[in-house]
């Protein structure tokens, strides 16, 4: 299991390095475009920038953020421009799908989802944005386990939850029954 985690960390580090280099090239290119724009027109205009470019410009580099933070940042950037919530949500979903940002915490009633840029210093949580059943599927790749063994494996792997160990142990069978990837034989859960 440790070898698998080390392999994941090495792959993640390589990916993050490549993304960081691409991001640096992208920022340098944008800076050059802004210089040319300034030389040609005399003043850079935010009106001609896409909502996506503005969103990426105001996203914090090493701090967690929410959609509410992005909306507030866009309003501060250009209060006269109407910002479409749908465009913001869509671009955040695109960034999430591309792996440029990660979801640290899922949204629930009363609190929005929390995101962070991939590769940032604070983005060290291995299971960020993963559902419980997906993490359990990773744990069960090594073989069938009882709910108690699954909870112990989750804790050892660094899985974070607000549930107590006992509550997690009791909730596991309910969660796993909903997913067709899992089956129970002799009190042990395994992959189907």
N, C-alpha and C. Protein backbone atom coordinates (compact mmCIF):
# COMPACT_ATOMS: atom_id res chain seq x y z
N UNK A 1 0.83 -1.19 0.00
CA UNK A 1 0.00 0.00 0.00
C UNK A 1 0.87 1.25 0.00
N UNK A 2 1.98 1.19 0.76
CA UNK A 2 2.89 2.33 0.83
C UNK A 2 3.54 2.59 -0.52
N UNK A 3 3.88 1.52 -1.25
CA UNK A 3 4.49 1.67 -2.58
C UNK A 3 3.52 2.37 -3.52
N UNK A 4 2.24 2.03 -3.42
CA UNK A 4 1.22 2.67 -4.25
C UNK A 4 1.10 4.15 -3.91
N UNK A 5 1.14 4.49 -2.63
CA UNK A 5 1.08 5.89 -2.23
C UNK A 5 2.30 6.66 -2.70
N UNK A 6 3.48 6.03 -2.64
CA UNK A 6 4.69 6.69 -3.11
C UNK A 6 4.63 6.92 -4.61
N UNK A 7 4.10 5.96 -5.34
CA UNK A 7 3.95 6.10 -6.78
C UNK A 7 2.99 7.23 -7.11
N UNK A 8 1.89 7.33 -6.36
CA UNK A 8 0.94 8.42 -6.56
C UNK A 8 1.59 9.77 -6.30
N UNK A 9 2.35 9.85 -5.18
CA UNK A 9 3.02 11.12 -4.85
C UNK A 9 4.01 11.52 -5.93
N UNK A 10 4.77 10.54 -6.46
CA UNK A 10 5.75 10.84 -7.51
C UNK A 10 5.05 11.31 -8.78
N UNK A 11 3.95 10.64 -9.15
CA UNK A 11 3.20 11.05 -10.34
C UNK A 11 2.59 12.43 -10.14
N UNK A 12 2.06 12.69 -8.94
CA UNK A 12 1.47 14.00 -8.65
C UNK A 12 2.52 15.09 -8.71
N UNK A 13 3.72 14.81 -8.17
CA UNK A 13 4.80 15.81 -8.18
C UNK A 13 5.23 16.11 -9.62
N UNK A 14 5.33 15.08 -10.44
CA UNK A 14 5.72 15.28 -11.85
C UNK A 14 4.65 16.09 -12.58
N UNK A 15 3.37 15.74 -12.36
CA UNK A 15 2.28 16.47 -12.99
C UNK A 15 2.26 17.93 -12.54
N UNK A 16 2.42 18.14 -11.24
CA UNK A 16 2.39 19.50 -10.71
C UNK A 16 3.54 20.34 -11.24
N UNK A 17 4.71 19.73 -11.42
CA UNK A 17 5.85 20.45 -11.97
C UNK A 17 5.57 20.86 -13.41
N UNK A 18 5.00 19.95 -14.19
CA UNK A 18 4.66 20.25 -15.58
C UNK A 18 3.60 21.34 -15.66
N UNK A 19 2.60 21.26 -14.79
CA UNK A 19 1.55 22.28 -14.77
C UNK A 19 2.12 23.62 -14.36
N UNK A 20 3.02 23.63 -13.37
CA UNK A 20 3.63 24.89 -12.93
C UNK A 20 4.42 25.52 -14.06
N UNK A 21 5.15 24.71 -14.82
CA UNK A 21 5.92 25.24 -15.95
C UNK A 21 4.98 25.81 -17.01
N UNK A 22 3.92 25.08 -17.32
CA UNK A 22 2.95 25.56 -18.31
C UNK A 22 2.29 26.85 -17.83
N UNK A 23 1.99 26.92 -16.52
CA UNK A 23 1.38 28.13 -15.97
C UNK A 23 2.33 29.32 -16.07
N UNK A 24 3.63 29.08 -15.80
CA UNK A 24 4.62 30.16 -15.93
C UNK A 24 4.70 30.65 -17.37
N UNK A 25 4.71 29.72 -18.33
CA UNK A 25 4.73 30.10 -19.74
C UNK A 25 3.47 30.89 -20.10
N UNK A 26 2.34 30.43 -19.59
CA UNK A 26 1.07 31.10 -19.86
C UNK A 26 1.07 32.53 -19.31
N UNK A 27 1.54 32.68 -18.07
CA UNK A 27 1.58 34.01 -17.45
C UNK A 27 2.54 34.91 -18.22
N UNK A 28 3.69 34.37 -18.64
CA UNK A 28 4.65 35.17 -19.41
C UNK A 28 4.05 35.61 -20.74
N UNK A 29 3.31 34.71 -21.38
CA UNK A 29 2.66 35.05 -22.64
C UNK A 29 1.59 36.12 -22.43
N UNK A 30 0.80 35.98 -21.37
CA UNK A 30 -0.21 37.00 -21.07
C UNK A 30 0.43 38.35 -20.78
N UNK A 31 1.55 38.33 -20.08
CA UNK A 31 2.25 39.58 -19.79
C UNK A 31 2.73 40.22 -21.09
N UNK A 32 3.25 39.41 -21.99
CA UNK A 32 3.71 39.95 -23.28
C UNK A 32 2.54 40.50 -24.08
N UNK A 33 1.41 39.82 -24.08
CA UNK A 33 0.22 40.31 -24.77
C UNK A 33 -0.24 41.63 -24.17
N UNK A 34 -0.21 41.73 -22.85
CA UNK A 34 -0.61 42.97 -22.18
C UNK A 34 0.33 44.11 -22.56
N UNK A 35 1.65 43.82 -22.66
CA UNK A 35 2.60 44.85 -23.07
C UNK A 35 2.30 45.33 -24.49
N UNK A 36 2.03 44.40 -25.40
CA UNK A 36 1.70 44.77 -26.77
C UNK A 36 0.39 45.55 -26.84
N UNK A 37 -0.58 45.11 -26.04
CA UNK A 37 -1.87 45.81 -25.97
C UNK A 37 -1.68 47.24 -25.48
N UNK A 38 -0.84 47.39 -24.47
CA UNK A 38 -0.56 48.71 -23.92
C UNK A 38 0.16 49.58 -24.94
N UNK A 39 1.10 48.97 -25.69
CA UNK A 39 1.84 49.72 -26.70
C UNK A 39 0.94 50.14 -27.86
N UNK A 40 0.01 49.28 -28.23
CA UNK A 40 -0.87 49.59 -29.37
C UNK A 40 -2.00 50.54 -29.00
N UNK A 41 -2.64 50.30 -27.87
CA UNK A 41 -3.86 51.03 -27.54
C UNK A 41 -3.69 52.03 -26.40
N UNK A 42 -2.60 51.96 -25.68
CA UNK A 42 -2.32 52.93 -24.64
C UNK A 42 -2.86 52.57 -23.27
N UNK A 43 -3.89 51.75 -23.20
CA UNK A 43 -4.48 51.41 -21.90
C UNK A 43 -5.12 50.01 -21.99
N UNK A 44 -4.74 49.12 -21.09
CA UNK A 44 -5.37 47.80 -21.13
C UNK A 44 -6.83 47.89 -20.69
N UNK A 45 -7.67 47.14 -21.35
CA UNK A 45 -9.09 47.17 -21.03
C UNK A 45 -9.54 45.84 -20.46
N UNK A 46 -10.28 45.89 -19.35
CA UNK A 46 -10.83 44.67 -18.78
C UNK A 46 -12.07 44.22 -19.54
N UNK A 47 -12.69 45.16 -20.29
CA UNK A 47 -13.91 44.83 -21.02
C UNK A 47 -13.63 43.79 -22.11
N UNK A 48 -12.42 43.86 -22.69
CA UNK A 48 -12.10 42.93 -23.77
C UNK A 48 -11.61 41.59 -23.25
N UNK A 49 -11.30 41.51 -21.97
CA UNK A 49 -10.86 40.24 -21.40
C UNK A 49 -12.06 39.35 -21.14
N UNK A 50 -11.84 38.07 -21.37
CA UNK A 50 -12.93 37.12 -21.13
C UNK A 50 -13.15 36.96 -19.63
N UNK A 51 -14.33 36.49 -19.29
CA UNK A 51 -14.62 36.23 -17.88
C UNK A 51 -13.65 35.19 -17.33
N UNK A 52 -13.29 34.21 -18.16
CA UNK A 52 -12.36 33.16 -17.73
C UNK A 52 -11.00 33.75 -17.36
N UNK A 53 -10.50 34.66 -18.17
CA UNK A 53 -9.20 35.28 -17.88
C UNK A 53 -9.27 36.10 -16.60
N UNK A 54 -10.38 36.80 -16.41
CA UNK A 54 -10.54 37.59 -15.18
C UNK A 54 -10.64 36.69 -13.95
N UNK A 55 -11.34 35.57 -14.07
CA UNK A 55 -11.46 34.63 -12.95
C UNK A 55 -10.10 34.09 -12.57
N UNK A 56 -9.32 33.67 -13.56
CA UNK A 56 -7.99 33.13 -13.29
C UNK A 56 -7.06 34.20 -12.71
N UNK A 57 -7.29 35.44 -13.10
CA UNK A 57 -6.46 36.53 -12.59
C UNK A 57 -6.69 36.78 -11.10
N UNK A 58 -7.93 36.67 -10.65
CA UNK A 58 -8.22 37.01 -9.26
C UNK A 58 -8.19 35.81 -8.31
N UNK A 59 -8.05 34.59 -8.84
CA UNK A 59 -7.99 33.42 -7.96
C UNK A 59 -6.72 33.46 -7.11
N UNK A 60 -6.83 33.24 -5.80
CA UNK A 60 -5.64 33.24 -4.96
C UNK A 60 -4.69 32.09 -5.35
N UNK A 61 -3.40 32.34 -5.18
CA UNK A 61 -2.41 31.34 -5.58
C UNK A 61 -2.26 30.25 -4.53
N UNK A 62 -2.10 30.61 -3.26
CA UNK A 62 -1.85 29.62 -2.21
C UNK A 62 -2.89 29.62 -1.11
N UNK A 63 -4.05 30.16 -1.36
CA UNK A 63 -5.08 30.22 -0.32
C UNK A 63 -6.36 29.56 -0.83
N UNK A 64 -7.09 28.89 0.02
CA UNK A 64 -8.38 28.33 -0.38
C UNK A 64 -9.37 29.45 -0.74
N UNK A 65 -10.30 29.15 -1.63
CA UNK A 65 -11.29 30.14 -2.04
C UNK A 65 -12.60 29.46 -2.37
N UNK A 66 -13.66 30.25 -2.43
CA UNK A 66 -14.99 29.77 -2.78
C UNK A 66 -15.48 30.56 -3.98
N UNK A 67 -16.61 30.15 -4.53
CA UNK A 67 -17.23 30.89 -5.64
C UNK A 67 -17.60 32.29 -5.16
N UNK A 68 -18.03 32.41 -3.90
CA UNK A 68 -18.39 33.71 -3.34
C UNK A 68 -17.17 34.64 -3.35
N UNK A 69 -15.99 34.10 -3.03
CA UNK A 69 -14.77 34.90 -3.07
C UNK A 69 -14.46 35.36 -4.49
N UNK A 70 -14.68 34.48 -5.45
CA UNK A 70 -14.42 34.83 -6.85
C UNK A 70 -15.36 35.94 -7.30
N UNK A 71 -16.64 35.82 -6.96
CA UNK A 71 -17.61 36.86 -7.33
C UNK A 71 -17.22 38.20 -6.71
N UNK A 72 -16.83 38.18 -5.44
CA UNK A 72 -16.41 39.42 -4.78
C UNK A 72 -15.16 40.00 -5.44
N UNK A 73 -14.22 39.14 -5.82
CA UNK A 73 -13.01 39.61 -6.50
C UNK A 73 -13.31 40.20 -7.85
N UNK A 74 -14.24 39.59 -8.59
CA UNK A 74 -14.61 40.13 -9.90
C UNK A 74 -15.32 41.46 -9.76
N UNK A 75 -16.18 41.59 -8.75
CA UNK A 75 -16.85 42.88 -8.51
C UNK A 75 -15.83 43.96 -8.17
N UNK A 76 -14.81 43.61 -7.40
CA UNK A 76 -13.77 44.58 -7.05
C UNK A 76 -12.92 44.92 -8.27
N UNK A 77 -12.71 43.95 -9.14
CA UNK A 77 -11.89 44.16 -10.34
C UNK A 77 -12.57 45.13 -11.30
N UNK A 78 -13.86 44.92 -11.52
CA UNK A 78 -14.61 45.79 -12.43
C UNK A 78 -16.08 45.80 -12.00
N UNK A 79 -16.42 46.79 -11.19
CA UNK A 79 -17.77 46.85 -10.63
C UNK A 79 -18.83 47.19 -11.68
N UNK A 80 -18.43 47.83 -12.75
CA UNK A 80 -19.39 48.22 -13.78
C UNK A 80 -19.76 47.11 -14.73
N UNK A 81 -19.03 46.05 -14.74
CA UNK A 81 -19.29 44.95 -15.66
C UNK A 81 -20.23 43.93 -15.02
N UNK A 82 -21.24 43.48 -15.74
CA UNK A 82 -22.12 42.45 -15.18
C UNK A 82 -21.43 41.08 -15.26
N UNK A 83 -21.29 40.42 -14.12
CA UNK A 83 -20.63 39.12 -14.06
C UNK A 83 -21.69 38.03 -13.97
N UNK A 84 -21.68 37.13 -14.91
CA UNK A 84 -22.65 36.05 -14.96
C UNK A 84 -22.23 34.93 -14.00
N UNK A 85 -23.11 34.59 -13.08
CA UNK A 85 -22.82 33.51 -12.13
C UNK A 85 -22.66 32.18 -12.87
N UNK A 86 -23.42 32.02 -13.94
CA UNK A 86 -23.32 30.79 -14.73
C UNK A 86 -21.94 30.67 -15.37
N UNK A 87 -21.41 31.78 -15.90
CA UNK A 87 -20.08 31.75 -16.51
C UNK A 87 -19.02 31.43 -15.47
N UNK A 88 -19.18 31.97 -14.28
CA UNK A 88 -18.22 31.70 -13.19
C UNK A 88 -18.27 30.23 -12.81
N UNK A 89 -19.47 29.70 -12.58
CA UNK A 89 -19.62 28.30 -12.21
C UNK A 89 -19.06 27.37 -13.29
N UNK A 90 -19.34 27.71 -14.55
CA UNK A 90 -18.87 26.89 -15.66
C UNK A 90 -17.35 26.88 -15.73
N UNK A 91 -16.74 28.06 -15.57
CA UNK A 91 -15.28 28.11 -15.67
C UNK A 91 -14.62 27.40 -14.49
N UNK A 92 -15.18 27.50 -13.32
CA UNK A 92 -14.64 26.76 -12.17
C UNK A 92 -14.74 25.26 -12.43
N UNK A 93 -15.84 24.81 -13.00
CA UNK A 93 -16.00 23.39 -13.33
C UNK A 93 -14.96 22.95 -14.37
N UNK A 94 -14.68 23.82 -15.34
CA UNK A 94 -13.67 23.51 -16.36
C UNK A 94 -12.28 23.41 -15.71
N UNK A 95 -11.96 24.35 -14.83
CA UNK A 95 -10.67 24.33 -14.14
C UNK A 95 -10.55 23.08 -13.27
N UNK A 96 -11.64 22.69 -12.64
CA UNK A 96 -11.66 21.49 -11.80
C UNK A 96 -11.43 20.25 -12.66
N UNK A 97 -12.09 20.19 -13.80
CA UNK A 97 -11.96 19.03 -14.70
C UNK A 97 -10.55 18.93 -15.27
N UNK A 98 -9.93 20.07 -15.56
CA UNK A 98 -8.56 20.09 -16.11
C UNK A 98 -7.50 19.81 -15.05
N UNK A 99 -7.89 19.85 -13.79
CA UNK A 99 -6.94 19.59 -12.72
C UNK A 99 -6.14 20.81 -12.30
N UNK A 100 -6.57 22.00 -12.73
CA UNK A 100 -5.87 23.23 -12.34
C UNK A 100 -6.24 23.69 -10.95
N UNK A 101 -7.42 23.29 -10.50
CA UNK A 101 -7.83 23.55 -9.12
C UNK A 101 -8.34 22.24 -8.53
N UNK A 102 -8.38 22.16 -7.22
CA UNK A 102 -8.92 20.99 -6.52
C UNK A 102 -9.97 21.44 -5.52
N UNK A 103 -10.93 20.58 -5.31
CA UNK A 103 -11.95 20.87 -4.31
C UNK A 103 -11.47 20.31 -2.98
N UNK A 104 -11.33 21.19 -1.98
CA UNK A 104 -10.93 20.76 -0.65
C UNK A 104 -12.12 20.26 0.15
N UNK A 105 -13.26 20.92 -0.03
CA UNK A 105 -14.45 20.54 0.72
C UNK A 105 -15.66 20.72 -0.17
N UNK A 106 -16.52 19.75 -0.18
CA UNK A 106 -17.75 19.84 -0.97
C UNK A 106 -18.70 20.83 -0.33
N UNK A 107 -19.49 21.46 -1.15
CA UNK A 107 -20.49 22.39 -0.65
C UNK A 107 -21.67 21.65 -0.06
N UNK A 108 -22.28 22.25 0.92
CA UNK A 108 -23.50 21.70 1.48
C UNK A 108 -24.39 22.90 1.83
N UNK A 109 -25.57 22.64 2.28
CA UNK A 109 -26.49 23.74 2.54
C UNK A 109 -25.90 24.72 3.55
N UNK A 110 -25.81 25.94 3.15
CA UNK A 110 -25.29 26.97 4.04
C UNK A 110 -23.81 27.27 3.89
N UNK A 111 -23.03 26.36 3.28
CA UNK A 111 -21.61 26.66 3.09
C UNK A 111 -21.18 26.21 1.69
N UNK A 112 -20.51 27.11 0.97
CA UNK A 112 -20.11 26.78 -0.40
C UNK A 112 -18.90 25.84 -0.43
N UNK A 113 -18.67 25.25 -1.58
CA UNK A 113 -17.50 24.39 -1.77
C UNK A 113 -16.24 25.24 -1.66
N UNK A 114 -15.16 24.63 -1.19
CA UNK A 114 -13.87 25.32 -1.04
C UNK A 114 -12.89 24.70 -2.01
N UNK A 115 -12.20 25.56 -2.77
CA UNK A 115 -11.24 25.12 -3.77
C UNK A 115 -9.86 25.68 -3.46
N UNK A 116 -8.84 25.10 -4.11
CA UNK A 116 -7.48 25.62 -4.02
C UNK A 116 -6.78 25.27 -5.33
N UNK A 117 -5.83 26.10 -5.73
CA UNK A 117 -5.07 25.82 -6.95
C UNK A 117 -4.25 24.55 -6.76
N UNK A 118 -4.21 23.72 -7.78
CA UNK A 118 -3.40 22.49 -7.72
C UNK A 118 -1.93 22.87 -7.67
N UNK A 119 -1.19 22.14 -6.87
CA UNK A 119 0.24 22.39 -6.78
C UNK A 119 0.62 23.45 -5.78
N UNK A 120 -0.35 24.06 -5.12
CA UNK A 120 -0.01 25.07 -4.13
C UNK A 120 0.54 24.38 -2.89
N UNK A 121 1.24 25.12 -2.06
CA UNK A 121 1.87 24.55 -0.88
C UNK A 121 0.85 23.97 0.09
N UNK A 122 -0.35 24.52 0.11
CA UNK A 122 -1.36 24.05 1.06
C UNK A 122 -2.17 22.89 0.50
N UNK A 123 -1.88 22.47 -0.74
CA UNK A 123 -2.63 21.40 -1.39
C UNK A 123 -1.93 20.07 -1.18
N UNK A 124 -1.91 19.59 0.06
CA UNK A 124 -1.19 18.38 0.38
C UNK A 124 -2.10 17.22 0.77
N UNK A 125 -3.37 17.41 0.70
CA UNK A 125 -4.30 16.36 1.11
C UNK A 125 -4.50 15.37 -0.03
N UNK A 126 -4.14 14.12 0.21
CA UNK A 126 -4.13 13.09 -0.81
C UNK A 126 -5.52 12.82 -1.39
N UNK A 127 -6.54 12.86 -0.55
CA UNK A 127 -7.88 12.48 -0.98
C UNK A 127 -8.78 13.70 -1.22
N UNK A 128 -8.21 14.83 -1.54
CA UNK A 128 -8.99 16.06 -1.72
C UNK A 128 -10.04 15.88 -2.82
N UNK A 129 -11.27 16.21 -2.50
CA UNK A 129 -12.35 16.17 -3.47
C UNK A 129 -12.90 14.79 -3.78
N UNK A 130 -12.37 13.75 -3.16
CA UNK A 130 -12.84 12.39 -3.43
C UNK A 130 -13.98 12.03 -2.49
N UNK A 131 -14.93 11.28 -3.00
CA UNK A 131 -16.02 10.78 -2.18
C UNK A 131 -15.53 9.60 -1.35
N UNK A 132 -16.22 9.33 -0.27
CA UNK A 132 -15.85 8.24 0.63
C UNK A 132 -15.78 6.91 -0.11
N UNK A 133 -16.78 6.62 -0.97
CA UNK A 133 -16.79 5.33 -1.66
C UNK A 133 -15.61 5.18 -2.61
N UNK A 134 -15.14 6.28 -3.21
CA UNK A 134 -13.98 6.22 -4.09
C UNK A 134 -12.70 5.90 -3.31
N UNK A 135 -12.58 6.50 -2.12
CA UNK A 135 -11.41 6.21 -1.27
C UNK A 135 -11.46 4.77 -0.78
N UNK A 136 -12.65 4.30 -0.42
CA UNK A 136 -12.79 2.92 0.03
C UNK A 136 -12.44 1.96 -1.11
N UNK A 137 -12.80 2.30 -2.34
CA UNK A 137 -12.44 1.46 -3.49
C UNK A 137 -10.92 1.33 -3.61
N UNK A 138 -10.21 2.42 -3.35
CA UNK A 138 -8.74 2.36 -3.35
C UNK A 138 -8.23 1.43 -2.25
N UNK A 139 -8.86 1.51 -1.08
CA UNK A 139 -8.43 0.68 0.05
C UNK A 139 -8.70 -0.79 -0.22
N UNK A 140 -9.83 -1.09 -0.87
CA UNK A 140 -10.22 -2.49 -1.10
C UNK A 140 -9.50 -3.12 -2.29
N UNK A 141 -8.68 -2.35 -2.99
CA UNK A 141 -7.91 -2.91 -4.09
C UNK A 141 -6.94 -3.98 -3.57
N UNK A 142 -6.55 -3.87 -2.31
CA UNK A 142 -5.66 -4.85 -1.70
C UNK A 142 -6.36 -6.11 -1.24
N UNK A 143 -7.67 -6.14 -1.24
CA UNK A 143 -8.42 -7.32 -0.81
C UNK A 143 -9.58 -6.95 0.08
N UNK A 144 -10.49 -7.90 0.34
CA UNK A 144 -11.68 -7.64 1.15
C UNK A 144 -11.33 -7.28 2.60
N UNK A 145 -12.19 -6.43 3.21
CA UNK A 145 -11.98 -6.00 4.60
C UNK A 145 -13.33 -5.86 5.29
N UNK A 146 -13.31 -5.97 6.60
CA UNK A 146 -14.49 -5.68 7.41
C UNK A 146 -14.59 -4.17 7.56
N UNK A 147 -15.77 -3.66 7.96
CA UNK A 147 -15.88 -2.22 8.17
C UNK A 147 -14.85 -1.65 9.15
N UNK A 148 -14.53 -2.41 10.20
CA UNK A 148 -13.52 -1.93 11.16
C UNK A 148 -12.16 -1.83 10.49
N UNK A 149 -11.80 -2.82 9.69
CA UNK A 149 -10.52 -2.79 8.97
C UNK A 149 -10.48 -1.65 7.96
N UNK A 150 -11.61 -1.38 7.33
CA UNK A 150 -11.67 -0.27 6.37
C UNK A 150 -11.42 1.06 7.08
N UNK A 151 -12.07 1.26 8.24
CA UNK A 151 -11.88 2.49 9.00
C UNK A 151 -10.42 2.64 9.42
N UNK A 152 -9.81 1.58 9.88
CA UNK A 152 -8.40 1.64 10.27
C UNK A 152 -7.52 1.98 9.07
N UNK A 153 -7.80 1.36 7.92
CA UNK A 153 -7.02 1.65 6.71
C UNK A 153 -7.21 3.10 6.26
N UNK A 154 -8.44 3.59 6.36
CA UNK A 154 -8.70 4.99 5.99
C UNK A 154 -7.91 5.94 6.88
N UNK A 155 -7.93 5.69 8.18
CA UNK A 155 -7.21 6.56 9.13
C UNK A 155 -5.70 6.50 8.89
N UNK A 156 -5.18 5.30 8.64
CA UNK A 156 -3.74 5.15 8.40
C UNK A 156 -3.31 5.84 7.11
N UNK A 157 -4.21 5.85 6.11
CA UNK A 157 -3.90 6.50 4.84
C UNK A 157 -4.04 8.02 4.92
N UNK A 158 -4.61 8.52 6.03
CA UNK A 158 -4.74 9.97 6.20
C UNK A 158 -6.07 10.54 5.77
N UNK A 159 -7.08 9.70 5.61
CA UNK A 159 -8.41 10.20 5.22
C UNK A 159 -8.99 11.05 6.34
N UNK A 160 -9.51 12.22 5.98
CA UNK A 160 -10.09 13.14 6.97
C UNK A 160 -11.60 13.11 6.88
N UNK A 161 -12.24 13.08 8.04
CA UNK A 161 -13.70 13.11 8.11
C UNK A 161 -14.11 13.75 9.43
N UNK A 162 -15.31 14.27 9.43
CA UNK A 162 -15.84 14.86 10.67
C UNK A 162 -16.54 13.80 11.52
N UNK A 163 -16.76 12.61 10.96
CA UNK A 163 -17.42 11.54 11.69
C UNK A 163 -16.45 10.90 12.68
N UNK A 164 -17.01 10.36 13.74
CA UNK A 164 -16.19 9.57 14.67
C UNK A 164 -15.91 8.22 14.00
N UNK A 165 -14.94 7.50 14.54
CA UNK A 165 -14.60 6.19 13.96
C UNK A 165 -15.80 5.25 14.01
N UNK A 166 -16.52 5.27 15.12
CA UNK A 166 -17.68 4.40 15.28
C UNK A 166 -18.79 4.77 14.28
N UNK A 167 -19.04 6.07 14.12
CA UNK A 167 -20.06 6.52 13.18
C UNK A 167 -19.67 6.15 11.74
N UNK A 168 -18.40 6.28 11.42
CA UNK A 168 -17.92 5.92 10.09
C UNK A 168 -18.07 4.41 9.87
N UNK A 169 -17.75 3.63 10.89
CA UNK A 169 -17.89 2.18 10.81
C UNK A 169 -19.34 1.78 10.55
N UNK A 170 -20.28 2.46 11.20
CA UNK A 170 -21.70 2.13 11.02
C UNK A 170 -22.24 2.66 9.71
N UNK A 171 -21.67 3.76 9.20
CA UNK A 171 -22.17 4.35 7.95
C UNK A 171 -21.63 3.63 6.71
N UNK A 172 -20.48 2.98 6.82
CA UNK A 172 -19.87 2.34 5.66
C UNK A 172 -20.78 1.36 4.92
N UNK A 173 -21.39 0.37 5.60
CA UNK A 173 -22.24 -0.56 4.86
C UNK A 173 -23.36 0.14 4.08
N UNK A 174 -23.96 1.16 4.67
CA UNK A 174 -25.03 1.89 3.98
C UNK A 174 -24.50 2.56 2.72
N UNK A 175 -23.32 3.20 2.83
CA UNK A 175 -22.74 3.88 1.68
C UNK A 175 -22.31 2.88 0.60
N UNK A 176 -21.73 1.76 1.01
CA UNK A 176 -21.21 0.80 0.05
C UNK A 176 -22.32 0.03 -0.66
N UNK A 177 -23.47 -0.16 0.01
CA UNK A 177 -24.60 -0.86 -0.62
C UNK A 177 -25.15 -0.07 -1.81
N UNK A 178 -25.00 1.25 -1.76
CA UNK A 178 -25.53 2.10 -2.83
C UNK A 178 -24.69 2.02 -4.11
N UNK A 179 -23.46 1.53 -4.02
CA UNK A 179 -22.53 1.52 -5.14
C UNK A 179 -22.34 0.09 -5.64
N UNK A 180 -22.52 -0.15 -6.92
CA UNK A 180 -22.44 -1.49 -7.49
C UNK A 180 -21.00 -2.03 -7.55
N UNK A 181 -20.01 -1.20 -7.24
CA UNK A 181 -18.62 -1.67 -7.28
C UNK A 181 -18.29 -2.60 -6.11
N UNK A 182 -19.15 -2.60 -5.09
CA UNK A 182 -18.83 -3.33 -3.87
C UNK A 182 -19.80 -4.48 -3.64
N UNK A 183 -19.27 -5.53 -2.98
CA UNK A 183 -20.11 -6.65 -2.57
C UNK A 183 -19.60 -7.15 -1.22
N UNK A 184 -20.50 -7.78 -0.46
CA UNK A 184 -20.14 -8.29 0.86
C UNK A 184 -20.23 -9.82 0.84
N UNK A 185 -19.17 -10.45 1.37
CA UNK A 185 -19.13 -11.91 1.48
C UNK A 185 -18.55 -12.26 2.82
N UNK A 186 -19.34 -12.93 3.65
CA UNK A 186 -18.85 -13.35 4.97
C UNK A 186 -18.48 -12.20 5.88
N UNK A 187 -19.20 -11.09 5.79
CA UNK A 187 -18.93 -9.93 6.65
C UNK A 187 -17.81 -9.04 6.17
N UNK A 188 -17.16 -9.39 5.06
CA UNK A 188 -16.08 -8.57 4.51
C UNK A 188 -16.52 -7.95 3.19
N UNK A 189 -16.19 -6.68 3.03
CA UNK A 189 -16.51 -5.96 1.80
C UNK A 189 -15.35 -6.06 0.84
N UNK A 190 -15.69 -6.22 -0.43
CA UNK A 190 -14.68 -6.28 -1.48
C UNK A 190 -15.21 -5.66 -2.75
N UNK A 191 -14.34 -5.59 -3.73
CA UNK A 191 -14.75 -5.07 -5.04
C UNK A 191 -15.45 -6.17 -5.82
N UNK A 192 -16.53 -5.79 -6.49
CA UNK A 192 -17.32 -6.78 -7.26
C UNK A 192 -16.58 -7.20 -8.52
